[in-house]
Amino acid sequence: MRTLFLQAPDGGMLPQLLMFGAIILVFYFFMIRPQQKKMRDQKKFREELTKGMMVVTISGLHGRLIAIEDETITLEVDKGVRLTFDKTAVSMEATMRVQKQ
């Protein structure tokens, strides 16, 4: 009878199982683990938001934080223009640029 598994020339399945395990480890260390770390860092950044910070949203909008609620933030994007976003919309802190006047 033929089995559904491909067998190694020596007749054992141990090399195949080791290879499968190695592939799983590679996926974990190069794909899953870095993504989890990035998510933890994003969550920590959002918890440390303070009024007056210059931030960038995930859509690319730059603004200064003027109010922080439980789940929302308010950005001032221009003099008197205030927009409210979900906290998860904040992507990163913006670098301060000196504007020439």
N, C-alpha and C. Protein backbone atom coordinates (compact mmCIF):
# COMPACT_ATOMS: atom_id res chain seq x y z
N MET A 1 0.84 -1.18 0.00
CA MET A 1 0.00 0.00 0.00
C MET A 1 0.88 1.24 0.00
N ARG A 2 0.44 2.22 -0.70
CA ARG A 2 1.16 3.49 -0.73
C ARG A 2 0.56 4.43 0.30
N THR A 3 1.42 5.17 0.98
CA THR A 3 0.93 6.16 1.93
C THR A 3 0.84 7.51 1.23
N LEU A 4 0.08 8.40 1.82
CA LEU A 4 -0.09 9.73 1.24
C LEU A 4 1.11 10.62 1.49
N PHE A 5 1.95 10.29 2.45
CA PHE A 5 3.11 11.11 2.78
C PHE A 5 4.28 10.73 1.89
N LEU A 6 5.02 11.74 1.49
CA LEU A 6 6.25 11.47 0.75
C LEU A 6 7.30 11.04 1.76
N GLN A 7 7.94 9.96 1.49
CA GLN A 7 8.91 9.46 2.44
C GLN A 7 10.32 9.73 1.93
N ALA A 8 11.19 9.99 2.87
CA ALA A 8 12.59 10.19 2.54
C ALA A 8 13.17 8.87 2.05
N PRO A 9 14.27 8.90 1.31
CA PRO A 9 14.87 7.67 0.78
C PRO A 9 15.21 6.65 1.86
N ASP A 10 15.52 7.13 3.06
CA ASP A 10 15.86 6.18 4.12
C ASP A 10 14.61 5.57 4.76
N GLY A 11 13.45 6.02 4.34
CA GLY A 11 12.21 5.44 4.82
C GLY A 11 11.62 6.11 6.05
N GLY A 12 12.28 7.08 6.62
CA GLY A 12 11.78 7.74 7.82
C GLY A 12 11.17 9.09 7.51
N MET A 13 10.33 9.54 8.40
CA MET A 13 9.68 10.85 8.23
C MET A 13 10.32 11.92 9.11
N LEU A 14 11.32 11.56 9.89
CA LEU A 14 11.95 12.51 10.79
C LEU A 14 12.55 13.71 10.06
N PRO A 15 13.27 13.52 8.96
CA PRO A 15 13.82 14.69 8.25
C PRO A 15 12.73 15.65 7.76
N GLN A 16 11.61 15.11 7.32
CA GLN A 16 10.51 15.96 6.86
C GLN A 16 9.91 16.75 8.02
N LEU A 17 9.75 16.10 9.16
CA LEU A 17 9.20 16.79 10.33
C LEU A 17 10.15 17.88 10.80
N LEU A 18 11.45 17.61 10.77
CA LEU A 18 12.42 18.62 11.17
C LEU A 18 12.39 19.82 10.21
N MET A 19 12.26 19.56 8.93
CA MET A 19 12.18 20.63 7.95
C MET A 19 10.92 21.46 8.15
N PHE A 20 9.81 20.80 8.39
CA PHE A 20 8.55 21.50 8.65
C PHE A 20 8.67 22.37 9.90
N GLY A 21 9.28 21.84 10.95
CA GLY A 21 9.49 22.60 12.18
C GLY A 21 10.40 23.80 11.95
N ALA A 22 11.42 23.63 11.13
CA ALA A 22 12.33 24.74 10.82
C ALA A 22 11.60 25.84 10.07
N ILE A 23 10.73 25.47 9.15
CA ILE A 23 9.95 26.46 8.40
C ILE A 23 9.05 27.25 9.35
N ILE A 24 8.42 26.57 10.28
CA ILE A 24 7.56 27.25 11.26
C ILE A 24 8.37 28.22 12.10
N LEU A 25 9.56 27.82 12.53
CA LEU A 25 10.42 28.72 13.32
C LEU A 25 10.83 29.95 12.52
N VAL A 26 11.16 29.75 11.25
CA VAL A 26 11.55 30.88 10.40
C VAL A 26 10.38 31.86 10.27
N PHE A 27 9.18 31.36 10.03
CA PHE A 27 8.01 32.22 9.94
C PHE A 27 7.80 32.99 11.23
N TYR A 28 7.95 32.31 12.37
CA TYR A 28 7.73 32.96 13.65
C TYR A 28 8.74 34.08 13.89
N PHE A 29 10.03 33.79 13.71
CA PHE A 29 11.05 34.78 14.04
C PHE A 29 11.20 35.89 13.01
N PHE A 30 10.81 35.67 11.77
CA PHE A 30 10.97 36.70 10.75
C PHE A 30 9.68 37.40 10.36
N MET A 31 8.52 36.86 10.74
CA MET A 31 7.27 37.49 10.35
C MET A 31 6.36 37.79 11.53
N ILE A 32 6.06 36.81 12.33
CA ILE A 32 5.07 36.98 13.40
C ILE A 32 5.63 37.82 14.55
N ARG A 33 6.81 37.48 15.03
CA ARG A 33 7.40 38.17 16.19
C ARG A 33 7.66 39.66 15.93
N PRO A 34 8.24 40.04 14.78
CA PRO A 34 8.43 41.48 14.52
C PRO A 34 7.11 42.24 14.44
N GLN A 35 6.08 41.61 13.87
CA GLN A 35 4.78 42.27 13.78
C GLN A 35 4.18 42.49 15.16
N GLN A 36 4.31 41.51 16.06
CA GLN A 36 3.82 41.66 17.42
C GLN A 36 4.57 42.77 18.14
N LYS A 37 5.88 42.87 17.94
CA LYS A 37 6.67 43.92 18.58
C LYS A 37 6.24 45.29 18.07
N LYS A 38 5.99 45.40 16.78
CA LYS A 38 5.55 46.66 16.21
C LYS A 38 4.19 47.07 16.79
N MET A 39 3.29 46.11 16.95
CA MET A 39 1.99 46.41 17.52
C MET A 39 2.12 46.87 18.98
N ARG A 40 3.00 46.21 19.75
CA ARG A 40 3.22 46.61 21.15
C ARG A 40 3.78 48.03 21.22
N ASP A 41 4.74 48.34 20.34
CA ASP A 41 5.33 49.68 20.33
C ASP A 41 4.30 50.74 19.96
N GLN A 42 3.43 50.46 18.98
CA GLN A 42 2.37 51.39 18.59
C GLN A 42 1.43 51.64 19.75
N LYS A 43 1.03 50.57 20.45
CA LYS A 43 0.11 50.70 21.58
C LYS A 43 0.74 51.54 22.68
N LYS A 44 2.02 51.30 22.97
CA LYS A 44 2.72 52.07 24.00
C LYS A 44 2.79 53.54 23.60
N PHE A 45 3.10 53.81 22.33
CA PHE A 45 3.16 55.19 21.84
C PHE A 45 1.82 55.89 22.02
N ARG A 46 0.73 55.21 21.67
CA ARG A 46 -0.60 55.82 21.80
C ARG A 46 -0.98 56.09 23.25
N GLU A 47 -0.51 55.24 24.15
CA GLU A 47 -0.80 55.45 25.57
C GLU A 47 -0.01 56.63 26.13
N GLU A 48 1.12 56.97 25.51
CA GLU A 48 1.98 58.04 26.00
C GLU A 48 1.74 59.38 25.29
N LEU A 49 0.66 59.50 24.53
CA LEU A 49 0.36 60.76 23.85
C LEU A 49 0.10 61.86 24.87
N THR A 50 0.61 63.04 24.59
CA THR A 50 0.39 64.19 25.47
C THR A 50 -0.03 65.39 24.63
N LYS A 51 -0.73 66.31 25.28
CA LYS A 51 -1.16 67.53 24.59
C LYS A 51 0.06 68.29 24.11
N GLY A 52 -0.07 68.89 22.94
CA GLY A 52 1.01 69.68 22.37
C GLY A 52 1.94 68.91 21.45
N MET A 53 1.84 67.59 21.43
CA MET A 53 2.69 66.79 20.54
C MET A 53 2.29 67.01 19.09
N MET A 54 3.28 67.03 18.23
CA MET A 54 3.01 67.04 16.79
C MET A 54 2.98 65.59 16.34
N VAL A 55 1.89 65.18 15.70
CA VAL A 55 1.73 63.79 15.28
C VAL A 55 1.30 63.72 13.82
N VAL A 56 1.42 62.51 13.28
CA VAL A 56 0.97 62.21 11.92
C VAL A 56 -0.04 61.08 12.02
N THR A 57 -1.17 61.21 11.34
CA THR A 57 -2.17 60.15 11.33
C THR A 57 -1.80 59.12 10.27
N ILE A 58 -2.52 57.99 10.29
CA ILE A 58 -2.23 56.95 9.30
C ILE A 58 -2.56 57.40 7.88
N SER A 59 -3.37 58.45 7.76
CA SER A 59 -3.69 58.98 6.43
C SER A 59 -2.69 60.04 5.98
N GLY A 60 -1.74 60.40 6.87
CA GLY A 60 -0.71 61.36 6.50
C GLY A 60 -0.99 62.79 6.94
N LEU A 61 -2.03 63.02 7.72
CA LEU A 61 -2.37 64.36 8.19
C LEU A 61 -1.49 64.73 9.37
N HIS A 62 -0.85 65.90 9.30
CA HIS A 62 0.02 66.38 10.37
C HIS A 62 -0.76 67.38 11.21
N GLY A 63 -0.58 67.31 12.52
CA GLY A 63 -1.26 68.26 13.38
C GLY A 63 -0.74 68.20 14.81
N ARG A 64 -1.19 69.18 15.62
CA ARG A 64 -0.80 69.25 17.02
C ARG A 64 -1.96 68.74 17.88
N LEU A 65 -1.64 67.87 18.83
CA LEU A 65 -2.67 67.33 19.73
C LEU A 65 -3.13 68.43 20.68
N ILE A 66 -4.43 68.69 20.71
CA ILE A 66 -4.94 69.69 21.64
C ILE A 66 -5.88 69.09 22.68
N ALA A 67 -6.40 67.88 22.42
CA ALA A 67 -7.27 67.21 23.40
C ALA A 67 -7.14 65.71 23.23
N ILE A 68 -7.11 65.02 24.37
CA ILE A 68 -7.01 63.56 24.36
C ILE A 68 -8.12 63.01 25.25
N GLU A 69 -8.99 62.21 24.67
CA GLU A 69 -10.08 61.56 25.40
C GLU A 69 -9.73 60.09 25.57
N ASP A 70 -10.68 59.28 26.02
CA ASP A 70 -10.44 57.85 26.19
C ASP A 70 -10.12 57.17 24.86
N GLU A 71 -10.96 57.39 23.87
CA GLU A 71 -10.80 56.71 22.58
C GLU A 71 -10.55 57.66 21.42
N THR A 72 -10.61 58.98 21.65
CA THR A 72 -10.45 59.94 20.56
C THR A 72 -9.39 60.99 20.90
N ILE A 73 -8.93 61.65 19.87
CA ILE A 73 -8.00 62.77 20.02
C ILE A 73 -8.50 63.90 19.13
N THR A 74 -8.11 65.12 19.46
CA THR A 74 -8.43 66.27 18.63
C THR A 74 -7.12 66.90 18.18
N LEU A 75 -7.01 67.07 16.87
CA LEU A 75 -5.81 67.68 16.28
C LEU A 75 -6.14 69.07 15.76
N GLU A 76 -5.20 69.98 15.95
CA GLU A 76 -5.31 71.28 15.31
C GLU A 76 -4.36 71.24 14.12
N VAL A 77 -4.93 71.30 12.92
CA VAL A 77 -4.13 71.17 11.70
C VAL A 77 -3.77 72.52 11.10
N ASP A 78 -4.51 73.55 11.46
CA ASP A 78 -4.24 74.91 11.03
C ASP A 78 -4.84 75.81 12.10
N LYS A 79 -4.59 77.08 12.03
CA LYS A 79 -5.11 77.99 13.05
C LYS A 79 -6.63 77.92 13.07
N GLY A 80 -7.18 77.38 14.15
CA GLY A 80 -8.63 77.29 14.31
C GLY A 80 -9.27 76.08 13.67
N VAL A 81 -8.54 75.28 12.92
CA VAL A 81 -9.11 74.09 12.28
C VAL A 81 -8.80 72.89 13.16
N ARG A 82 -9.85 72.33 13.75
CA ARG A 82 -9.68 71.20 14.66
C ARG A 82 -10.44 70.00 14.13
N LEU A 83 -9.78 68.86 14.15
CA LEU A 83 -10.37 67.62 13.66
C LEU A 83 -10.27 66.56 14.74
N THR A 84 -11.32 65.75 14.86
CA THR A 84 -11.34 64.69 15.86
C THR A 84 -11.12 63.35 15.16
N PHE A 85 -10.21 62.56 15.73
CA PHE A 85 -9.87 61.25 15.18
C PHE A 85 -9.94 60.20 16.28
N ASP A 86 -10.06 58.97 15.87
CA ASP A 86 -9.92 57.85 16.77
C ASP A 86 -8.45 57.76 17.16
N LYS A 87 -8.17 57.34 18.40
CA LYS A 87 -6.78 57.26 18.85
C LYS A 87 -5.95 56.32 17.99
N THR A 88 -6.57 55.29 17.45
CA THR A 88 -5.83 54.34 16.63
C THR A 88 -5.39 54.93 15.29
N ALA A 89 -5.88 56.13 14.95
CA ALA A 89 -5.50 56.77 13.69
C ALA A 89 -4.14 57.45 13.78
N VAL A 90 -3.60 57.59 15.00
CA VAL A 90 -2.29 58.22 15.15
C VAL A 90 -1.22 57.21 14.77
N SER A 91 -0.35 57.62 13.86
CA SER A 91 0.68 56.71 13.37
C SER A 91 2.01 56.93 14.07
N MET A 92 2.47 58.18 14.12
CA MET A 92 3.79 58.45 14.70
C MET A 92 3.88 59.91 15.09
N GLU A 93 4.96 60.21 15.80
CA GLU A 93 5.23 61.59 16.17
C GLU A 93 5.90 62.28 14.99
N ALA A 94 5.46 63.50 14.71
CA ALA A 94 6.03 64.26 13.59
C ALA A 94 7.28 64.97 14.06
N THR A 95 8.21 65.13 13.16
CA THR A 95 9.41 65.89 13.49
C THR A 95 9.07 67.37 13.42
N MET A 96 9.67 68.12 14.30
CA MET A 96 9.43 69.55 14.33
C MET A 96 10.21 70.21 13.19
N ARG A 97 9.54 70.98 12.40
CA ARG A 97 10.19 71.70 11.30
C ARG A 97 10.08 73.19 11.55
N VAL A 98 11.14 73.88 11.33
CA VAL A 98 11.11 75.34 11.48
C VAL A 98 10.56 75.91 10.17
N GLN A 99 9.46 76.66 10.30
CA GLN A 99 8.86 77.25 9.12
C GLN A 99 9.41 78.65 8.92
N LYS A 100 9.79 78.97 7.69
CA LYS A 100 10.27 80.31 7.38
C LYS A 100 9.06 81.22 7.16
N GLN A 101 9.18 82.39 7.71
CA GLN A 101 8.06 83.32 7.55
C GLN A 101 8.51 84.58 6.85
